């Protein structure tokens, strides 16, 4: 995994930068069941302040979805 960055908007007009790790899907083989793609959130910044600890699980889930969409669309 390598760290990725995504700039996006939350709460209608609040600009944040999300730092996350992305693990692409791994196909099934005869000896390995495969795995779904994975997003692991590292930080959510406004400027230099990491606000991830104060965000709700709902907002973090929405941000993870945006991160996944960005990775899928880039492929």
C-alpha atoms as a PDB file:
ATOM      1  CA  UNK A   1       0.000   0.000   0.000  1.00  0.00           C
ATOM      2  CA  UNK A   2       1.104   3.526  -0.654  1.00  0.00           C
ATOM      3  CA  UNK A   3      -0.380   6.668   0.785  1.00  0.00           C
ATOM      4  CA  UNK A   4      -2.714   8.599  -1.484  1.00  0.00           C
ATOM      5  CA  UNK A   5      -4.221  12.077  -1.094  1.00  0.00           C
ATOM      6  CA  UNK A   6      -7.649  13.360  -2.084  1.00  0.00           C
ATOM      7  CA  UNK A   7      -8.891  16.929  -1.803  1.00  0.00           C
ATOM      8  CA  UNK A   8     -12.654  17.026  -1.413  1.00  0.00           C
ATOM      9  CA  UNK A   9     -15.538  18.945   0.121  1.00  0.00           C
ATOM     10  CA  UNK A  10     -17.527  17.969   3.227  1.00  0.00           C
ATOM     11  CA  UNK A  11     -20.389  19.684   5.034  1.00  0.00           C
ATOM     12  CA  UNK A  12     -21.338  21.451   1.806  1.00  0.00           C
ATOM     13  CA  UNK A  13     -18.378  23.824   1.580  1.00  0.00           C
ATOM     14  CA  UNK A  14     -15.569  22.699   3.889  1.00  0.00           C
ATOM     15  CA  UNK A  15     -12.448  21.736   1.910  1.00  0.00           C
ATOM     16  CA  UNK A  16     -10.395  18.878   3.379  1.00  0.00           C
ATOM     17  CA  UNK A  17      -7.461  16.759   2.259  1.00  0.00           C
ATOM     18  CA  UNK A  18      -7.767  13.068   3.018  1.00  0.00           C
ATOM     19  CA  UNK A  19      -4.631  10.935   3.413  1.00  0.00           C
ATOM     20  CA  UNK A  20      -5.354   7.240   2.914  1.00  0.00           C
ATOM     21  CA  UNK A  21      -3.852   3.921   1.914  1.00  0.00           C
ATOM     22  CA  UNK A  22      -5.357   1.941  -0.946  1.00  0.00           C
ATOM     23  CA  UNK A  23      -5.036  -1.785  -1.466  1.00  0.00           C
ATOM     24  CA  UNK A  24      -6.389  -2.830  -4.873  1.00  0.00           C
ATOM     25  CA  UNK A  25      -8.550  -5.876  -5.354  1.00  0.00           C
ATOM     26  CA  UNK A  26      -6.630  -9.139  -5.480  1.00  0.00           C
ATOM     27  CA  UNK A  27      -8.108 -11.835  -7.718  1.00  0.00           C
ATOM     28  CA  UNK A  28      -8.967 -15.299  -6.505  1.00  0.00           C
ATOM     29  CA  UNK A  29      -6.512 -18.078  -7.348  1.00  0.00           C
ATOM     30  CA  UNK A  30      -6.635 -21.823  -6.697  1.00  0.00           C
ATOM     31  CA  UNK A  31      -4.722 -21.301  -3.434  1.00  0.00           C
ATOM     32  CA  UNK A  32      -5.885 -17.804  -2.409  1.00  0.00           C
ATOM     33  CA  UNK A  33      -9.470 -16.634  -1.905  1.00  0.00           C
ATOM     34  CA  UNK A  34      -8.724 -13.129  -3.173  1.00  0.00           C
ATOM     35  CA  UNK A  35      -9.638  -9.866  -1.465  1.00  0.00           C
ATOM     36  CA  UNK A  36     -11.815  -6.845  -2.067  1.00  0.00           C
ATOM     37  CA  UNK A  37     -10.238  -3.408  -2.526  1.00  0.00           C
ATOM     38  CA  UNK A  38      -9.498  -1.655   0.767  1.00  0.00           C
ATOM     39  CA  UNK A  39      -9.272   1.962   1.910  1.00  0.00           C
ATOM     40  CA  UNK A  40      -7.499   2.715   5.186  1.00  0.00           C
ATOM     41  CA  UNK A  41      -7.941   6.302   6.358  1.00  0.00           C
ATOM     42  CA  UNK A  42      -4.797   7.903   7.851  1.00  0.00           C
ATOM     43  CA  UNK A  43      -5.752  11.555   8.382  1.00  0.00           C
ATOM     44  CA  UNK A  44      -8.215  14.252   7.351  1.00  0.00           C
ATOM     45  CA  UNK A  45      -6.670  17.712   7.218  1.00  0.00           C
ATOM     46  CA  UNK A  46      -8.008  21.228   7.182  1.00  0.00           C
ATOM     47  CA  UNK A  47      -4.830  23.155   6.476  1.00  0.00           C
ATOM     48  CA  UNK A  48      -2.277  21.542   8.799  1.00  0.00           C
ATOM     49  CA  UNK A  49      -4.794  20.363  11.433  1.00  0.00           C
ATOM     50  CA  UNK A  50      -5.807  16.677  11.441  1.00  0.00           C
ATOM     51  CA  UNK A  51      -9.535  16.633  12.248  1.00  0.00           C
ATOM     52  CA  UNK A  52     -10.044  12.887  11.778  1.00  0.00           C
ATOM     53  CA  UNK A  53     -10.419  12.175  15.536  1.00  0.00           C
ATOM     54  CA  UNK A  54     -13.454  14.476  15.795  1.00  0.00           C
ATOM     55  CA  UNK A  55     -15.298  13.298  12.673  1.00  0.00           C
ATOM     56  CA  UNK A  56     -18.291  10.981  12.983  1.00  0.00           C
ATOM     57  CA  UNK A  57     -18.212   7.448  11.616  1.00  0.00           C
ATOM     58  CA  UNK A  58     -20.813   8.541   9.056  1.00  0.00           C
ATOM     59  CA  UNK A  59     -18.560  11.309   7.694  1.00  0.00           C
ATOM     60  CA  UNK A  60     -15.511   9.017   7.723  1.00  0.00           C
ATOM     61  CA  UNK A  61     -17.518   6.415   5.797  1.00  0.00           C
ATOM     62  CA  UNK A  62     -18.557   9.007   3.214  1.00  0.00           C
ATOM     63  CA  UNK A  63     -14.942  10.126   2.844  1.00  0.00           C
ATOM     64  CA  UNK A  64     -13.781   6.515   2.453  1.00  0.00           C
ATOM     65  CA  UNK A  65     -16.394   6.070  -0.292  1.00  0.00           C
ATOM     66  CA  UNK A  66     -15.081   9.184  -2.083  1.00  0.00           C
ATOM     67  CA  UNK A  67     -11.533   7.852  -1.790  1.00  0.00           C
ATOM     68  CA  UNK A  68     -12.578   4.498  -3.249  1.00  0.00           C
ATOM     69  CA  UNK A  69     -14.415   6.234  -6.110  1.00  0.00           C
ATOM     70  CA  UNK A  70     -11.321   8.301  -6.882  1.00  0.00           C
ATOM     71  CA  UNK A  71      -9.133   5.199  -7.041  1.00  0.00           C
ATOM     72  CA  UNK A  72     -11.596   3.222  -9.188  1.00  0.00           C
ATOM     73  CA  UNK A  73     -12.064   6.169 -11.584  1.00  0.00           C
ATOM     74  CA  UNK A  74      -8.287   6.611 -11.959  1.00  0.00           C
ATOM     75  CA  UNK A  75      -7.828   3.050 -13.195  1.00  0.00           C
END
